[in-house]
Amino acid sequence: MTLTRSTIVFLAVLIFTASPAPADERSAEARAVDAVLTAFHDAASRADGAAYFNLLSDDAIYLGTDAAERWTVEEFRAFAEPYFSKGRGWTYTATTRNIVVGPDGSTAWFDELLWNESYGTCRGTGVLLSTPDGWRIAQYHLTFPVPNELAKAVVAQIREHEALEADR
């Protein structure tokens, strides 16, 4: 089998960007934040509402992909529990994750690229706070990154949708 140069470059990029930094290259705080985010996605995929919501701070905000989706913990729980109670979760697998821990070690922010079977590449961003019970997610924002070449067409569709909604 002969590999083209572009295939080799693609495979090299995939290998180096899909792997998180080795644990020994990150601080203990960053490793702990990484573990919380991994557990968060794992709990959702197992439809384990108790574990999932335990990883959020009491005053957390979840921002979904729709502009109307700005949920408190209780609002998000009301949305998610009917799915979780039927054993239906959602699976987002992190392919890359960047974590920055603030200078005082009590706040961390992150961005991650995720893979989802239905939506493809997604992006999660957010903030975690160090609490006496460990790191908790204070804000999580799920988005669909739009390639620049498609942005004008996507924005046009969104505007058309918003105009139709306004007319209702």
C-alpha atoms as a PDB file:
ATOM      1  CA  MET A   1       0.000   0.000   0.000  1.00  0.00           C
ATOM      2  CA  THR A   2       1.400   3.392  -1.000  1.00  0.00           C
ATOM      3  CA  LEU A   3       0.539   6.392   1.125  1.00  0.00           C
ATOM      4  CA  THR A   4       0.430   9.814  -0.447  1.00  0.00           C
ATOM      5  CA  ARG A   5       2.175  12.727   1.207  1.00  0.00           C
ATOM      6  CA  SER A   6      -1.171  14.328   2.082  1.00  0.00           C
ATOM      7  CA  THR A   7      -2.351  11.086   3.736  1.00  0.00           C
ATOM      8  CA  ILE A   8       0.842  10.912   5.808  1.00  0.00           C
ATOM      9  CA  VAL A   9       0.464  14.549   6.863  1.00  0.00           C
ATOM     10  CA  PHE A  10      -3.202  13.954   7.733  1.00  0.00           C
ATOM     11  CA  LEU A  11      -2.327  10.900   9.848  1.00  0.00           C
ATOM     12  CA  ALA A  12       0.471  12.754  11.626  1.00  0.00           C
ATOM     13  CA  VAL A  13      -1.849  15.674  12.446  1.00  0.00           C
ATOM     14  CA  LEU A  14      -4.519  13.261  13.655  1.00  0.00           C
ATOM     15  CA  ILE A  15      -2.079  11.433  15.918  1.00  0.00           C
ATOM     16  CA  PHE A  16      -0.572  14.565  17.436  1.00  0.00           C
ATOM     17  CA  THR A  17      -3.776  16.576  17.860  1.00  0.00           C
ATOM     18  CA  ALA A  18      -6.073  13.789  19.058  1.00  0.00           C
ATOM     19  CA  SER A  19      -3.830  12.879  21.965  1.00  0.00           C
ATOM     20  CA  PRO A  20      -4.012  14.916  25.137  1.00  0.00           C
ATOM     21  CA  ALA A  21      -0.758  16.138  26.596  1.00  0.00           C
ATOM     22  CA  PRO A  22       0.985  13.462  28.641  1.00  0.00           C
ATOM     23  CA  ALA A  23      -0.052  13.592  32.291  1.00  0.00           C
ATOM     24  CA  ASP A  24       3.469  14.412  33.457  1.00  0.00           C
ATOM     25  CA  GLU A  25       3.507  17.584  31.315  1.00  0.00           C
ATOM     26  CA  ARG A  26       0.441  19.081  33.024  1.00  0.00           C
ATOM     27  CA  SER A  27      -0.087  20.323  36.554  1.00  0.00           C
ATOM     28  CA  ALA A  28      -2.004  18.252  39.070  1.00  0.00           C
ATOM     29  CA  GLU A  29      -4.813  20.824  38.823  1.00  0.00           C
ATOM     30  CA  ALA A  30      -5.007  20.512  35.033  1.00  0.00           C
ATOM     31  CA  ARG A  31      -5.050  16.721  35.300  1.00  0.00           C
ATOM     32  CA  ALA A  32      -7.890  16.952  37.849  1.00  0.00           C
ATOM     33  CA  VAL A  33      -9.860  19.302  35.563  1.00  0.00           C
ATOM     34  CA  ASP A  34      -9.278  16.931  32.658  1.00  0.00           C
ATOM     35  CA  ALA A  35     -10.611  14.047  34.754  1.00  0.00           C
ATOM     36  CA  VAL A  36     -13.771  16.011  35.639  1.00  0.00           C
ATOM     37  CA  LEU A  37     -14.471  16.852  31.997  1.00  0.00           C
ATOM     38  CA  THR A  38     -13.883  13.247  30.941  1.00  0.00           C
ATOM     39  CA  ALA A  39     -16.186  12.025  33.728  1.00  0.00           C
ATOM     40  CA  PHE A  40     -18.821  14.589  32.679  1.00  0.00           C
ATOM     41  CA  HIS A  41     -18.943  13.254  29.122  1.00  0.00           C
ATOM     42  CA  ASP A  42     -18.767   9.658  30.338  1.00  0.00           C
ATOM     43  CA  ALA A  43     -21.725  10.150  32.709  1.00  0.00           C
ATOM     44  CA  ALA A  44     -23.784  11.649  29.861  1.00  0.00           C
ATOM     45  CA  SER A  45     -23.000   8.696  27.600  1.00  0.00           C
ATOM     46  CA  ARG A  46     -24.115   6.282  30.356  1.00  0.00           C
ATOM     47  CA  ALA A  47     -27.234   8.387  31.096  1.00  0.00           C
ATOM     48  CA  ASP A  48     -26.048   8.677  34.712  1.00  0.00           C
ATOM     49  CA  GLY A  49     -27.811  11.863  35.775  1.00  0.00           C
ATOM     50  CA  ALA A  50     -26.600  11.727  39.378  1.00  0.00           C
ATOM     51  CA  ALA A  51     -22.922  11.565  38.354  1.00  0.00           C
ATOM     52  CA  TYR A  52     -23.435  14.102  35.558  1.00  0.00           C
ATOM     53  CA  PHE A  53     -25.092  16.789  37.662  1.00  0.00           C
ATOM     54  CA  ASN A  54     -22.747  16.196  40.608  1.00  0.00           C
ATOM     55  CA  LEU A  55     -19.939  17.552  38.411  1.00  0.00           C
ATOM     56  CA  LEU A  56     -21.686  20.932  38.040  1.00  0.00           C
ATOM     57  CA  SER A  57     -21.445  23.719  40.586  1.00  0.00           C
ATOM     58  CA  ASP A  58     -24.718  24.635  42.298  1.00  0.00           C
ATOM     59  CA  ASP A  59     -24.974  27.824  40.244  1.00  0.00           C
ATOM     60  CA  ALA A  60     -23.670  26.408  36.962  1.00  0.00           C
ATOM     61  CA  ILE A  61     -24.927  27.571  33.591  1.00  0.00           C
ATOM     62  CA  TYR A  62     -25.184  25.271  30.569  1.00  0.00           C
ATOM     63  CA  LEU A  63     -25.236  26.954  27.173  1.00  0.00           C
ATOM     64  CA  GLY A  64     -26.531  24.676  24.439  1.00  0.00           C
ATOM     65  CA  THR A  65     -26.219  24.952  20.693  1.00  0.00           C
ATOM     66  CA  ASP A  66     -29.494  26.858  20.292  1.00  0.00           C
ATOM     67  CA  ALA A  67     -29.433  30.548  21.233  1.00  0.00           C
ATOM     68  CA  ALA A  68     -32.412  29.940  23.556  1.00  0.00           C
ATOM     69  CA  GLU A  69     -30.535  27.274  25.534  1.00  0.00           C
ATOM     70  CA  ARG A  70     -29.153  29.102  28.563  1.00  0.00           C
ATOM     71  CA  TRP A  71     -29.991  26.839  31.436  1.00  0.00           C
ATOM     72  CA  THR A  72     -29.421  26.877  35.172  1.00  0.00           C
ATOM     73  CA  VAL A  73     -28.635  23.506  36.742  1.00  0.00           C
ATOM     74  CA  GLU A  74     -32.289  22.926  37.593  1.00  0.00           C
ATOM     75  CA  GLU A  75     -33.466  23.930  34.113  1.00  0.00           C
ATOM     76  CA  PHE A  76     -30.869  21.695  32.494  1.00  0.00           C
ATOM     77  CA  ARG A  77     -31.760  18.835  34.845  1.00  0.00           C
ATOM     78  CA  ALA A  78     -35.431  19.214  33.832  1.00  0.00           C
ATOM     79  CA  PHE A  79     -34.353  18.955  30.185  1.00  0.00           C
ATOM     80  CA  ALA A  80     -31.968  16.006  30.658  1.00  0.00           C
ATOM     81  CA  GLU A  81     -33.675  13.809  33.238  1.00  0.00           C
ATOM     82  CA  PRO A  82     -36.428  12.529  30.920  1.00  0.00           C
ATOM     83  CA  TYR A  83     -33.688  11.217  28.622  1.00  0.00           C
ATOM     84  CA  PHE A  84     -31.496   9.875  31.412  1.00  0.00           C
ATOM     85  CA  SER A  85     -34.438   8.186  33.162  1.00  0.00           C
ATOM     86  CA  LYS A  86     -35.022   6.148  29.981  1.00  0.00           C
ATOM     87  CA  GLY A  87     -31.345   5.201  29.762  1.00  0.00           C
ATOM     88  CA  ARG A  88     -30.770   7.563  26.864  1.00  0.00           C
ATOM     89  CA  GLY A  89     -27.733   9.785  27.105  1.00  0.00           C
ATOM     90  CA  TRP A  90     -25.524  11.468  24.575  1.00  0.00           C
ATOM     91  CA  THR A  91     -21.958  10.700  23.630  1.00  0.00           C
ATOM     92  CA  TYR A  92     -19.391  13.388  22.976  1.00  0.00           C
ATOM     93  CA  THR A  93     -15.819  12.171  22.816  1.00  0.00           C
ATOM     94  CA  ALA A  94     -13.030  14.690  23.326  1.00  0.00           C
ATOM     95  CA  THR A  95     -10.453  14.646  20.538  1.00  0.00           C
ATOM     96  CA  THR A  96      -8.454  17.609  21.836  1.00  0.00           C
ATOM     97  CA  ARG A  97      -8.625  19.538  25.071  1.00  0.00           C
ATOM     98  CA  ASN A  98      -6.814  22.650  26.267  1.00  0.00           C
ATOM     99  CA  ILE A  99      -6.902  23.556  29.953  1.00  0.00           C
ATOM    100  CA  VAL A 100      -5.605  26.685  31.648  1.00  0.00           C
ATOM    101  CA  VAL A 101      -5.530  26.904  35.425  1.00  0.00           C
ATOM    102  CA  GLY A 102      -5.568  30.423  36.836  1.00  0.00           C
ATOM    103  CA  PRO A 103      -2.616  31.709  38.859  1.00  0.00           C
ATOM    104  CA  ASP A 104      -4.359  31.161  42.196  1.00  0.00           C
ATOM    105  CA  GLY A 105      -5.283  27.567  41.307  1.00  0.00           C
ATOM    106  CA  SER A 106      -8.981  28.008  42.041  1.00  0.00           C
ATOM    107  CA  THR A 107     -10.305  28.630  38.531  1.00  0.00           C
ATOM    108  CA  ALA A 108      -9.720  26.816  35.264  1.00  0.00           C
ATOM    109  CA  TRP A 109     -11.008  27.356  31.761  1.00  0.00           C
ATOM    110  CA  PHE A 110     -10.932  25.012  28.835  1.00  0.00           C
ATOM    111  CA  ASP A 111     -11.788  24.445  25.237  1.00  0.00           C
ATOM    112  CA  GLU A 112     -12.208  21.055  23.659  1.00  0.00           C
ATOM    113  CA  LEU A 113     -13.076  19.601  20.301  1.00  0.00           C
ATOM    114  CA  LEU A 114     -15.559  16.778  20.540  1.00  0.00           C
ATOM    115  CA  TRP A 115     -16.859  14.096  18.231  1.00  0.00           C
ATOM    116  CA  ASN A 116     -20.543  13.194  18.204  1.00  0.00           C
ATOM    117  CA  GLU A 117     -22.073  10.628  15.878  1.00  0.00           C
ATOM    118  CA  SER A 118     -25.032  12.868  14.956  1.00  0.00           C
ATOM    119  CA  TYR A 119     -23.366  16.283  14.881  1.00  0.00           C
ATOM    120  CA  GLY A 120     -19.780  15.490  13.944  1.00  0.00           C
ATOM    121  CA  THR A 121     -17.197  17.932  15.240  1.00  0.00           C
ATOM    122  CA  CYS A 122     -18.411  20.090  18.109  1.00  0.00           C
ATOM    123  CA  ARG A 123     -16.680  22.430  20.528  1.00  0.00           C
ATOM    124  CA  GLY A 124     -17.097  22.672  24.259  1.00  0.00           C
ATOM    125  CA  THR A 125     -15.788  25.591  26.276  1.00  0.00           C
ATOM    126  CA  GLY A 126     -16.215  26.539  29.866  1.00  0.00           C
ATOM    127  CA  VAL A 127     -15.023  27.320  33.341  1.00  0.00           C
ATOM    128  CA  LEU A 128     -14.431  25.151  36.377  1.00  0.00           C
ATOM    129  CA  LEU A 129     -14.062  26.214  40.005  1.00  0.00           C
ATOM    130  CA  SER A 130     -12.106  24.451  42.701  1.00  0.00           C
ATOM    131  CA  THR A 131     -14.445  23.679  45.612  1.00  0.00           C
ATOM    132  CA  PRO A 132     -14.010  21.771  48.866  1.00  0.00           C
ATOM    133  CA  ASP A 133     -15.623  18.838  47.013  1.00  0.00           C
ATOM    134  CA  GLY A 134     -13.215  19.067  44.070  1.00  0.00           C
ATOM    135  CA  TRP A 135     -13.394  20.784  40.691  1.00  0.00           C
ATOM    136  CA  ARG A 136     -16.908  21.620  39.495  1.00  0.00           C
ATOM    137  CA  ILE A 137     -18.073  22.910  36.124  1.00  0.00           C
ATOM    138  CA  ALA A 138     -19.466  26.434  36.555  1.00  0.00           C
ATOM    139  CA  GLN A 139     -20.169  27.021  32.881  1.00  0.00           C
ATOM    140  CA  TYR A 140     -20.279  24.695  29.894  1.00  0.00           C
ATOM    141  CA  HIS A 141     -20.948  25.884  26.359  1.00  0.00           C
ATOM    142  CA  LEU A 142     -21.517  23.447  23.500  1.00  0.00           C
ATOM    143  CA  THR A 143     -21.183  24.806  19.972  1.00  0.00           C
ATOM    144  CA  PHE A 144     -20.894  23.729  16.374  1.00  0.00           C
ATOM    145  CA  PRO A 145     -17.760  25.270  14.873  1.00  0.00           C
ATOM    146  CA  VAL A 146     -18.617  26.605  11.430  1.00  0.00           C
ATOM    147  CA  PRO A 147     -15.895  26.619   8.779  1.00  0.00           C
ATOM    148  CA  ASN A 148     -15.279  30.180   7.558  1.00  0.00           C
ATOM    149  CA  GLU A 149     -16.111  29.145   3.994  1.00  0.00           C
ATOM    150  CA  LEU A 150     -19.628  28.166   5.134  1.00  0.00           C
ATOM    151  CA  ALA A 151     -20.259  30.982   7.610  1.00  0.00           C
ATOM    152  CA  LYS A 152     -22.173  33.358   5.297  1.00  0.00           C
ATOM    153  CA  ALA A 153     -24.529  30.598   4.141  1.00  0.00           C
ATOM    154  CA  VAL A 154     -25.115  29.400   7.713  1.00  0.00           C
ATOM    155  CA  VAL A 155     -25.736  32.952   8.949  1.00  0.00           C
ATOM    156  CA  ALA A 156     -28.215  33.483   6.098  1.00  0.00           C
ATOM    157  CA  GLN A 157     -30.109  30.346   7.145  1.00  0.00           C
ATOM    158  CA  ILE A 158     -30.146  31.448  10.783  1.00  0.00           C
ATOM    159  CA  ARG A 159     -31.456  34.888   9.841  1.00  0.00           C
ATOM    160  CA  GLU A 160     -34.177  33.331   7.687  1.00  0.00           C
ATOM    161  CA  HIS A 161     -35.165  31.064  10.577  1.00  0.00           C
ATOM    162  CA  GLU A 162     -35.213  33.975  13.049  1.00  0.00           C
ATOM    163  CA  ALA A 163     -37.378  36.031  10.683  1.00  0.00           C
ATOM    164  CA  LEU A 164     -39.876  33.154  10.360  1.00  0.00           C
ATOM    165  CA  GLU A 165     -39.953  32.738  14.137  1.00  0.00           C
ATOM    166  CA  ALA A 166     -40.529  36.466  14.615  1.00  0.00           C
ATOM    167  CA  ASP A 167     -43.505  36.331  12.255  1.00  0.00           C
ATOM    168  CA  ARG A 168     -45.220  33.589  14.302  1.00  0.00           C
END
